[in-house]
Each structure stands twice: as C-alpha cells, then as structure tokens.
N, C-alpha and C. Protein backbone atom coordinates (compact mmCIF):
# COMPACT_ATOMS: atom_id res chain seq x y z
N MET A 1 52.70 56.66 89.72
CA MET A 1 52.01 57.48 91.00
C MET A 1 51.92 56.40 91.99
N ASN A 2 52.61 56.78 93.06
CA ASN A 2 52.42 55.92 94.28
C ASN A 2 51.38 56.50 95.07
N GLU A 3 50.46 55.29 95.46
CA GLU A 3 49.30 55.74 96.31
C GLU A 3 49.45 54.97 97.55
N ILE A 4 49.34 55.69 98.66
CA ILE A 4 49.54 55.26 99.89
C ILE A 4 48.40 55.44 100.84
N ASP A 5 47.87 54.59 101.47
CA ASP A 5 46.64 54.76 102.21
C ASP A 5 46.91 54.81 103.72
N LEU A 6 46.51 56.06 104.25
CA LEU A 6 46.74 56.49 105.45
C LEU A 6 45.53 56.49 106.24
N THR A 7 44.35 55.80 105.66
CA THR A 7 42.94 56.08 106.51
C THR A 7 43.22 55.25 107.75
N THR A 8 43.92 54.31 108.03
CA THR A 8 44.07 53.72 109.26
C THR A 8 45.25 54.17 110.24
N LYS A 9 45.84 55.04 109.86
CA LYS A 9 46.82 55.69 110.62
C LYS A 9 46.24 56.65 111.69
N ASP A 10 46.73 56.41 112.87
CA ASP A 10 46.33 57.34 114.05
C ASP A 10 47.24 58.67 114.11
N PHE A 11 46.48 59.77 113.54
CA PHE A 11 47.36 60.90 113.67
C PHE A 11 47.32 61.45 114.84
N PRO A 12 48.33 62.23 115.39
CA PRO A 12 48.26 62.91 116.88
C PRO A 12 47.33 63.93 116.82
N PHE A 13 46.64 64.19 118.22
CA PHE A 13 45.57 65.28 118.43
C PHE A 13 46.24 66.41 119.10
N ASP A 14 47.38 66.65 118.21
CA ASP A 14 48.08 67.85 118.50
C ASP A 14 48.73 68.44 117.56
N ARG A 15 48.51 69.87 117.37
CA ARG A 15 49.03 70.47 116.27
C ARG A 15 50.57 70.32 115.76
N THR A 16 51.40 70.53 116.75
CA THR A 16 52.83 70.33 116.33
C THR A 16 52.95 68.93 115.91
N GLU A 17 52.45 68.02 116.85
CA GLU A 17 52.98 66.41 116.44
C GLU A 17 52.21 66.04 115.06
N LEU A 18 51.15 66.70 114.80
CA LEU A 18 50.46 66.38 113.57
C LEU A 18 51.29 66.70 112.43
N ARG A 19 51.72 67.97 112.50
CA ARG A 19 52.43 68.50 111.51
C ARG A 19 53.80 67.82 111.31
N LYS A 20 54.59 67.27 112.48
CA LYS A 20 55.68 66.62 112.38
C LYS A 20 55.31 65.20 111.78
N SER A 21 53.98 64.53 112.04
CA SER A 21 53.84 63.26 111.44
C SER A 21 53.45 63.15 110.05
N ILE A 22 52.88 64.21 109.66
CA ILE A 22 52.91 64.12 107.96
C ILE A 22 54.16 64.61 107.44
N ILE A 23 55.04 65.36 107.89
CA ILE A 23 56.18 65.72 107.27
C ILE A 23 57.11 64.33 107.15
N ASN A 24 57.10 63.71 108.38
CA ASN A 24 57.96 62.68 108.45
C ASN A 24 57.39 61.58 107.49
N ILE A 25 56.07 61.48 107.07
CA ILE A 25 55.71 60.40 106.13
C ILE A 25 56.47 60.91 104.87
N PHE A 26 56.26 62.17 104.32
CA PHE A 26 56.89 62.85 103.24
C PHE A 26 58.18 62.47 103.04
N LEU A 27 58.90 62.53 104.23
CA LEU A 27 60.39 62.16 104.20
C LEU A 27 60.82 61.01 103.64
N ASP A 28 59.74 60.03 103.84
CA ASP A 28 59.96 58.53 103.26
C ASP A 28 59.97 58.43 101.85
N GLU A 29 59.48 59.57 101.16
CA GLU A 29 59.23 59.58 99.72
C GLU A 29 60.73 59.11 99.03
N LEU A 30 60.49 58.37 97.87
CA LEU A 30 61.65 58.14 97.14
C LEU A 30 62.19 59.19 96.43
N PRO A 31 63.47 59.80 96.00
CA PRO A 31 63.63 61.07 95.26
C PRO A 31 63.20 60.71 93.82
N GLY A 32 62.93 61.95 93.20
CA GLY A 32 62.90 61.79 91.73
C GLY A 32 64.22 61.95 91.09
N THR A 33 64.10 61.82 89.71
CA THR A 33 65.34 61.70 89.30
C THR A 33 65.34 63.01 88.01
N GLY A 34 64.20 63.60 87.84
CA GLY A 34 64.12 64.72 86.90
C GLY A 34 62.69 65.09 87.03
N LYS A 35 62.43 66.02 85.98
CA LYS A 35 61.04 66.39 85.86
C LYS A 35 59.92 65.66 85.19
N GLY A 36 58.82 65.99 84.96
CA GLY A 36 57.84 65.13 84.16
C GLY A 36 57.63 63.74 84.87
N ASP A 37 57.78 62.70 83.97
CA ASP A 37 57.62 61.45 84.46
C ASP A 37 58.64 60.74 85.31
N LEU A 38 59.79 61.53 85.25
CA LEU A 38 61.05 61.23 86.22
C LEU A 38 61.18 61.81 87.63
N CYS A 39 59.75 62.68 87.78
CA CYS A 39 59.36 62.99 89.10
C CYS A 39 58.74 62.16 89.97
N SER A 40 59.33 61.93 91.12
CA SER A 40 58.33 61.02 91.95
C SER A 40 57.08 61.62 92.40
N LYS A 41 55.76 60.87 92.30
CA LYS A 41 54.47 61.47 92.66
C LYS A 41 53.86 60.68 93.54
N TYR A 42 53.13 61.27 94.62
CA TYR A 42 52.44 60.46 95.59
C TYR A 42 51.08 61.11 95.71
N GLU A 43 50.36 59.89 96.06
CA GLU A 43 48.89 60.36 96.60
C GLU A 43 48.76 59.64 97.84
N TYR A 44 48.28 60.44 98.67
CA TYR A 44 48.19 59.82 100.25
C TYR A 44 46.56 59.85 100.50
N ILE A 45 46.07 58.67 100.68
CA ILE A 45 44.43 58.55 100.75
C ILE A 45 44.38 58.88 102.33
N VAL A 46 43.69 59.84 102.94
CA VAL A 46 43.60 60.31 104.23
C VAL A 46 42.12 59.84 104.76
N TYR A 47 41.18 59.79 104.04
CA TYR A 47 39.75 59.42 104.43
C TYR A 47 38.97 59.01 103.07
N LYS A 48 38.19 57.78 103.55
CA LYS A 48 37.19 57.14 102.38
C LYS A 48 35.80 57.31 103.05
N GLY A 49 35.00 57.99 102.25
CA GLY A 49 33.53 58.17 102.78
C GLY A 49 32.70 57.90 101.51
N ASN A 50 31.63 57.14 101.56
CA ASN A 50 30.66 56.64 100.58
C ASN A 50 31.51 56.63 99.29
N ASN A 51 31.19 57.42 98.21
CA ASN A 51 31.85 57.33 96.90
C ASN A 51 32.92 58.45 96.83
N ASN A 52 33.45 58.89 97.79
CA ASN A 52 34.48 60.11 97.84
C ASN A 52 35.68 59.50 98.61
N GLU A 53 36.82 60.20 98.24
CA GLU A 53 38.18 59.96 99.10
C GLU A 53 38.65 61.40 98.96
N VAL A 54 39.05 61.72 100.32
CA VAL A 54 39.91 62.65 100.53
C VAL A 54 41.60 62.28 100.52
N TYR A 55 42.28 62.91 99.61
CA TYR A 55 43.76 62.49 99.42
C TYR A 55 44.72 63.66 99.14
N LEU A 56 45.85 63.69 99.53
CA LEU A 56 46.92 64.69 99.57
C LEU A 56 47.86 64.13 98.34
N LYS A 57 48.18 65.28 97.55
CA LYS A 57 48.92 64.99 96.43
C LYS A 57 50.17 65.57 96.50
N ARG A 58 51.36 65.02 96.12
CA ARG A 58 52.52 65.51 95.98
C ARG A 58 53.28 65.13 95.00
N PRO A 59 54.29 66.03 94.51
CA PRO A 59 54.51 67.28 94.93
C PRO A 59 53.46 68.22 94.44
N ALA A 60 53.18 69.29 95.00
CA ALA A 60 52.18 70.45 94.67
C ALA A 60 52.99 71.27 93.53
N GLN A 61 52.22 71.81 92.80
CA GLN A 61 52.83 72.86 91.75
C GLN A 61 53.48 74.04 92.27
N PHE A 62 53.37 74.20 93.59
CA PHE A 62 53.95 75.41 94.11
C PHE A 62 55.55 75.23 94.43
N ASN A 63 55.89 74.06 94.46
CA ASN A 63 57.39 73.86 94.40
C ASN A 63 58.05 74.71 95.71
N ASN A 64 57.41 74.31 96.96
CA ASN A 64 57.63 74.91 98.20
C ASN A 64 58.09 74.02 99.04
N GLY A 65 58.99 72.79 98.76
CA GLY A 65 59.42 71.87 99.77
C GLY A 65 58.33 70.76 100.00
N PHE A 66 57.72 70.93 101.23
CA PHE A 66 56.78 70.20 101.79
C PHE A 66 55.39 70.25 101.28
N ASP A 67 55.17 71.29 100.39
CA ASP A 67 53.99 71.63 99.64
C ASP A 67 53.10 70.26 99.28
N PHE A 68 51.81 70.41 99.75
CA PHE A 68 50.93 69.27 98.98
C PHE A 68 49.67 70.10 98.88
N THR A 69 48.86 69.32 97.90
CA THR A 69 47.23 69.89 97.87
C THR A 69 46.39 68.70 98.19
N ILE A 70 45.17 69.30 98.61
CA ILE A 70 44.16 68.36 99.11
C ILE A 70 43.21 68.16 97.96
N HIS A 71 42.76 66.93 97.69
CA HIS A 71 41.95 66.51 96.59
C HIS A 71 40.68 65.75 97.01
N VAL A 72 39.45 65.67 96.20
CA VAL A 72 38.49 64.79 96.51
C VAL A 72 38.29 64.22 95.55
N LYS A 73 38.28 62.79 95.48
CA LYS A 73 37.95 61.93 94.25
C LYS A 73 36.27 62.24 94.13
N GLY A 74 35.91 62.33 92.85
CA GLY A 74 34.42 62.32 92.63
C GLY A 74 33.74 63.80 93.00
N ILE A 75 34.51 64.73 93.07
CA ILE A 75 33.88 66.04 93.32
C ILE A 75 34.64 66.92 92.51
N ASN A 76 33.70 67.78 91.43
CA ASN A 76 34.34 68.88 90.85
C ASN A 76 34.11 70.23 91.59
N PHE A 77 35.09 70.62 91.65
CA PHE A 77 35.13 72.13 92.27
C PHE A 77 35.18 73.37 91.45
N ASN A 78 35.05 73.15 90.16
CA ASN A 78 35.17 74.14 89.28
C ASN A 78 34.25 74.11 88.27
N PRO A 79 33.11 74.71 88.07
CA PRO A 79 32.25 74.39 86.90
C PRO A 79 33.01 74.67 85.61
N ASN A 80 33.86 75.47 85.61
CA ASN A 80 34.56 75.93 84.00
C ASN A 80 35.61 74.92 83.80
N ARG A 81 36.28 74.44 84.69
CA ARG A 81 37.43 73.52 84.37
C ARG A 81 37.56 72.44 85.44
N TYR A 82 37.40 71.19 84.88
CA TYR A 82 37.40 70.05 85.97
C TYR A 82 38.45 70.04 87.07
N THR A 83 38.43 70.06 88.34
CA THR A 83 39.34 69.72 89.29
C THR A 83 38.77 69.35 90.63
N THR A 84 39.48 68.50 91.25
CA THR A 84 39.04 67.90 92.32
C THR A 84 39.82 68.63 93.51
N ARG A 85 40.40 69.70 93.32
CA ARG A 85 41.12 70.44 94.46
C ARG A 85 40.27 71.40 95.05
N PRO A 86 39.88 71.72 96.15
CA PRO A 86 38.85 72.64 96.75
C PRO A 86 39.77 73.76 97.07
N THR A 87 39.35 74.86 96.62
CA THR A 87 39.62 76.32 97.14
C THR A 87 38.99 76.54 98.64
N HIS A 88 39.74 77.56 99.11
CA HIS A 88 39.04 78.01 100.44
C HIS A 88 37.79 78.70 100.12
N GLN A 89 37.49 79.41 98.99
CA GLN A 89 36.34 79.86 98.62
C GLN A 89 35.14 78.71 98.22
N ASN A 90 35.80 77.62 97.79
CA ASN A 90 34.67 76.42 97.70
C ASN A 90 34.05 76.12 98.99
N ILE A 91 34.96 75.94 99.91
CA ILE A 91 34.56 75.69 101.32
C ILE A 91 33.45 76.91 101.90
N PHE A 92 34.02 77.97 101.83
CA PHE A 92 33.20 79.13 102.28
C PHE A 92 31.73 79.04 101.60
N ASP A 93 31.70 78.89 100.48
CA ASP A 93 30.60 78.73 99.44
C ASP A 93 29.61 77.71 100.14
N ASP A 94 30.43 76.63 100.35
CA ASP A 94 29.44 75.60 100.84
C ASP A 94 28.98 75.45 102.21
N LEU A 95 29.89 76.38 102.84
CA LEU A 95 29.44 76.76 104.44
C LEU A 95 28.15 77.49 104.31
N LYS A 96 28.39 78.54 103.42
CA LYS A 96 27.05 79.55 103.29
C LYS A 96 25.81 78.85 102.96
N ASN A 97 26.03 77.89 101.98
CA ASN A 97 24.93 77.41 101.60
C ASN A 97 24.15 76.18 102.78
N LYS A 98 25.05 75.79 103.41
CA LYS A 98 24.78 74.77 104.60
C LYS A 98 23.95 75.90 105.65
N LYS A 99 24.58 76.98 105.99
CA LYS A 99 23.86 77.88 106.73
C LYS A 99 22.45 78.29 106.65
N ILE A 100 22.24 78.54 105.40
CA ILE A 100 20.93 78.76 104.79
C ILE A 100 19.93 77.59 104.97
N GLU A 101 20.54 76.46 104.53
CA GLU A 101 19.69 75.33 104.63
C GLU A 101 19.24 75.08 106.07
N ASP A 102 20.03 75.16 107.01
CA ASP A 102 19.66 74.73 108.44
C ASP A 102 20.56 75.40 109.33
N PRO A 103 20.01 76.75 109.75
CA PRO A 103 20.77 77.46 110.77
C PRO A 103 21.17 76.78 112.06
N LYS A 104 20.41 75.92 112.33
CA LYS A 104 20.56 75.34 114.06
C LYS A 104 21.59 74.01 113.48
N MET A 105 21.52 73.28 112.66
CA MET A 105 22.43 72.28 112.36
C MET A 105 23.64 72.92 112.02
N TYR A 106 23.83 74.16 111.24
CA TYR A 106 24.92 74.84 111.00
C TYR A 106 25.74 75.09 112.39
N GLU A 107 24.96 75.97 113.29
CA GLU A 107 25.86 75.84 114.62
C GLU A 107 26.48 74.78 115.23
N ASP A 108 25.67 73.61 115.04
CA ASP A 108 26.39 72.34 115.50
C ASP A 108 27.47 71.89 114.53
N LEU A 109 27.57 72.14 113.42
CA LEU A 109 28.69 71.95 112.47
C LEU A 109 29.73 72.88 112.92
N MET A 110 29.53 74.14 113.18
CA MET A 110 30.44 74.94 113.48
C MET A 110 31.20 74.58 114.66
N ILE A 111 30.50 74.06 115.76
CA ILE A 111 31.18 73.46 116.97
C ILE A 111 32.22 72.50 116.43
N GLU A 112 31.91 71.49 115.64
CA GLU A 112 32.86 70.41 115.10
C GLU A 112 33.93 70.93 114.43
N ILE A 113 33.53 72.10 113.56
CA ILE A 113 34.82 72.70 113.07
C ILE A 113 35.65 73.25 114.02
N GLU A 114 35.20 73.96 114.98
CA GLU A 114 36.24 74.43 115.84
C GLU A 114 37.07 73.29 116.61
N ASN A 115 36.22 72.24 116.78
CA ASN A 115 37.00 71.10 117.15
C ASN A 115 38.19 70.69 116.36
N ILE A 116 37.80 70.56 115.04
CA ILE A 116 38.77 70.26 114.02
C ILE A 116 39.95 71.30 114.13
N PHE A 117 39.49 72.57 114.03
CA PHE A 117 40.55 73.73 114.42
C PHE A 117 41.70 73.37 115.36
N ASN A 118 41.04 73.16 116.58
CA ASN A 118 41.73 72.81 117.77
C ASN A 118 42.28 71.53 117.77
N VAL A 119 42.38 70.71 116.76
CA VAL A 119 42.95 69.54 116.53
C VAL A 119 42.34 68.51 117.55
N LEU A 120 41.05 68.34 117.78
CA LEU A 120 40.52 67.38 118.41
C LEU A 120 39.67 66.52 117.72
N SER A 121 38.88 65.39 118.26
CA SER A 121 38.15 64.57 117.39
C SER A 121 36.97 65.45 117.17
N PHE A 122 36.17 64.80 116.13
CA PHE A 122 34.84 65.65 115.75
C PHE A 122 33.96 64.59 115.59
N ASP A 123 32.44 64.89 115.94
CA ASP A 123 31.35 63.92 115.89
C ASP A 123 30.46 64.52 114.90
N LEU A 124 30.01 63.97 113.80
CA LEU A 124 29.27 64.44 112.66
C LEU A 124 27.77 63.66 112.97
N THR A 125 27.71 62.81 113.95
CA THR A 125 26.20 62.43 114.23
C THR A 125 25.21 63.39 114.31
N ASN A 126 24.21 63.26 113.38
CA ASN A 126 22.89 64.06 113.55
C ASN A 126 23.20 65.32 112.88
N ILE A 127 24.43 65.60 111.99
CA ILE A 127 24.65 66.69 111.21
C ILE A 127 24.74 66.10 109.87
N ASN A 128 23.45 66.20 109.09
CA ASN A 128 23.32 65.66 107.88
C ASN A 128 22.62 66.59 106.91
N PHE A 129 23.61 67.55 106.22
CA PHE A 129 22.78 68.52 105.21
C PHE A 129 22.55 67.82 103.86
N THR A 130 21.62 68.45 103.28
CA THR A 130 21.36 67.59 101.87
C THR A 130 22.14 68.45 100.92
N SER A 131 22.44 69.60 101.07
CA SER A 131 23.06 70.22 99.88
C SER A 131 24.72 70.44 100.02
N GLY A 132 25.22 70.46 98.85
CA GLY A 132 26.76 70.63 98.77
C GLY A 132 27.31 69.34 98.97
N ILE A 133 28.67 69.61 99.53
CA ILE A 133 29.82 68.57 99.72
C ILE A 133 29.06 67.75 100.92
N PRO A 134 29.27 66.53 100.86
CA PRO A 134 28.73 65.68 101.95
C PRO A 134 29.54 66.04 103.26
N THR A 135 28.91 66.24 104.36
CA THR A 135 29.63 66.61 105.51
C THR A 135 30.60 65.97 105.91
N ASP A 136 30.84 64.74 105.87
CA ASP A 136 31.83 64.28 106.45
C ASP A 136 33.21 64.60 105.44
N ILE A 137 32.97 64.55 104.17
CA ILE A 137 34.00 64.94 103.19
C ILE A 137 34.39 66.46 103.54
N LEU A 138 33.56 67.29 103.63
CA LEU A 138 33.61 68.76 103.88
C LEU A 138 34.68 68.80 105.16
N CYS A 139 34.20 68.05 106.30
CA CYS A 139 35.20 68.41 107.58
C CYS A 139 36.50 67.82 107.42
N GLU A 140 36.53 66.70 106.74
CA GLU A 140 37.94 66.10 106.29
C GLU A 140 38.70 67.10 105.71
N THR A 141 38.10 67.53 104.62
CA THR A 141 38.91 68.56 103.69
C THR A 141 39.34 69.69 104.49
N ILE A 142 38.29 70.20 105.18
CA ILE A 142 38.82 71.40 106.18
C ILE A 142 39.86 70.78 107.08
N LYS A 143 39.85 69.85 107.53
CA LYS A 143 41.25 69.29 108.60
C LYS A 143 42.26 69.33 107.61
N TRP A 144 42.34 68.81 106.53
CA TRP A 144 43.72 68.79 105.88
C TRP A 144 44.09 70.24 105.36
N LEU A 145 43.02 70.95 105.05
CA LEU A 145 43.57 72.26 104.52
C LEU A 145 44.10 73.06 105.72
N PHE A 146 43.65 72.71 106.99
CA PHE A 146 44.41 73.35 108.08
C PHE A 146 45.67 72.77 108.27
N VAL A 147 45.84 71.53 108.10
CA VAL A 147 47.11 71.04 108.21
C VAL A 147 47.89 71.27 107.01
N GLU A 148 47.54 71.52 105.80
CA GLU A 148 48.28 72.02 104.60
C GLU A 148 48.88 73.70 105.02
N GLN A 149 48.09 74.47 105.80
CA GLN A 149 48.37 75.64 106.11
C GLN A 149 49.39 75.76 107.42
N ASP A 150 49.37 74.77 108.21
CA ASP A 150 50.33 74.50 109.09
C ASP A 150 51.84 74.33 108.68
N VAL A 151 51.77 73.44 107.50
CA VAL A 151 53.05 73.04 107.20
C VAL A 151 53.71 74.09 106.45
N THR A 152 52.96 74.73 105.42
CA THR A 152 53.13 75.79 104.56
C THR A 152 53.57 77.33 105.36
N TYR A 153 52.66 77.56 106.40
CA TYR A 153 52.81 78.55 106.97
C TYR A 153 53.03 78.68 108.40
N TRP A 154 53.71 77.92 108.98
CA TRP A 154 54.16 77.45 110.37
C TRP A 154 54.56 78.77 110.82
N ASN A 155 55.33 79.49 110.44
CA ASN A 155 55.97 80.58 111.17
C ASN A 155 55.17 81.79 111.25
N PHE A 156 54.00 81.74 110.57
CA PHE A 156 53.31 82.72 110.33
C PHE A 156 51.65 82.57 110.75
N SER A 157 50.72 82.70 110.41
CA SER A 157 49.42 82.49 111.02
C SER A 157 48.87 81.07 110.76
N GLY A 158 49.68 80.22 109.98
CA GLY A 158 49.24 78.79 109.76
C GLY A 158 47.70 78.89 109.43
N ARG A 159 46.92 77.76 110.28
CA ARG A 159 45.61 77.64 109.96
C ARG A 159 44.59 78.82 110.45
N ASN A 160 45.15 79.89 111.22
CA ASN A 160 44.33 80.87 111.47
C ASN A 160 43.57 81.64 110.50
N MET A 161 44.22 82.01 109.25
CA MET A 161 43.50 82.71 108.49
C MET A 161 42.34 82.17 107.70
N PHE A 162 42.42 80.76 107.48
CA PHE A 162 41.56 80.08 106.89
C PHE A 162 40.32 79.91 107.72
N TYR A 163 40.69 79.37 109.19
CA TYR A 163 39.66 79.54 110.14
C TYR A 163 38.89 80.88 110.28
N ASN A 164 39.64 81.81 110.27
CA ASN A 164 38.94 83.26 110.49
C ASN A 164 38.14 83.52 109.49
N GLY A 165 38.28 83.17 108.34
CA GLY A 165 37.62 83.27 107.02
C GLY A 165 36.25 82.48 107.17
N ILE A 166 36.25 81.28 108.01
CA ILE A 166 35.42 80.27 108.14
C ILE A 166 34.47 81.21 108.96
N LEU A 167 35.02 81.58 110.16
CA LEU A 167 34.02 82.40 111.24
C LEU A 167 33.39 83.43 110.78
N GLU A 168 33.76 84.01 109.52
CA GLU A 168 33.23 85.29 108.92
C GLU A 168 31.92 84.90 108.42
N ILE A 169 31.71 83.70 108.16
CA ILE A 169 30.57 83.30 107.30
C ILE A 169 29.17 83.70 107.92
C-alpha cells in the first residue's frame, strides 16, 4: 500500500481545476502488474484532525477508471460490518441528528456546507456539535464526496445530487 500525504497540498478553489488536480495526482500512480497483491494500491491522506484522518483509497472496487472511495480512519460507519467508508446515507443521518441537537448551529453548518459545495473555503469556528461525526471530519468528508461525484459523474449532475439530498434534510 502506497500512502501519500496531501494534507499540505493547496487544492484549487475552482470545481474544474480541483477535479483536474486530483486526477493529475492519480496519473502519477505506478501501474499494477495483475490482480490482488499485484495491483498498485494507494491511500491519499487529505485531512488530519484529532484522532481521525480522511483519506482517498484507490483503486475503488467499482473499476471505473479514476474511481476512488473516501474513508475515515477511526470511525465505523456500519454497525453490522466494520467499514471506514461513509455512505451518503451516513452523512444524511448525521446531519439530521445535528439539526435536532441544535437547529441554530445547524443553520450555520449549512452555510459552510454551501461554501464547500461552491468550492470555497469554509470556517467551522463556533460550530461544535457534540453528537455524531466530528464536524471537521464531517465537512472534509462531504468535500471529498463532492469531488468524487465530480470525477465519476462530471458529464451528468456531479455533486448536485448529493447536495440536493443534503438540502432536503
């Protein structure tokens, strides 16, 4: 497993350029020579916070070229089977719980999620929920799920379907 730390990389604040930037990083991967242990495997650490890391894993099991999955070290997202890979439903459920915990703070969080959607910087100062996924990890996960959707579904809706699901909460 090749582990690459991207936590100090300045990614562009532009949807097209961000997509190109991550794909160009993937283009530097060494080719594999077969399946299983002969497959080249990569983990790209994109965020470190407290006891958790958000990382991108390649290749994904979907086998669609530049596919990657988002993972969070230290968090299990499935009570029936251990997995560090959050689903959109995991994010929706966590956001619903945060909305119940503090509706006003949730409104502030939604402003920052809108910034993430628009590929702008975001500020989580004074947004400190006590329930669920730590807020910084949640927002970084959302950010990279948006990027993953852009890479996989660029010619379709990309990040919009996931964002619309968030807005329906």
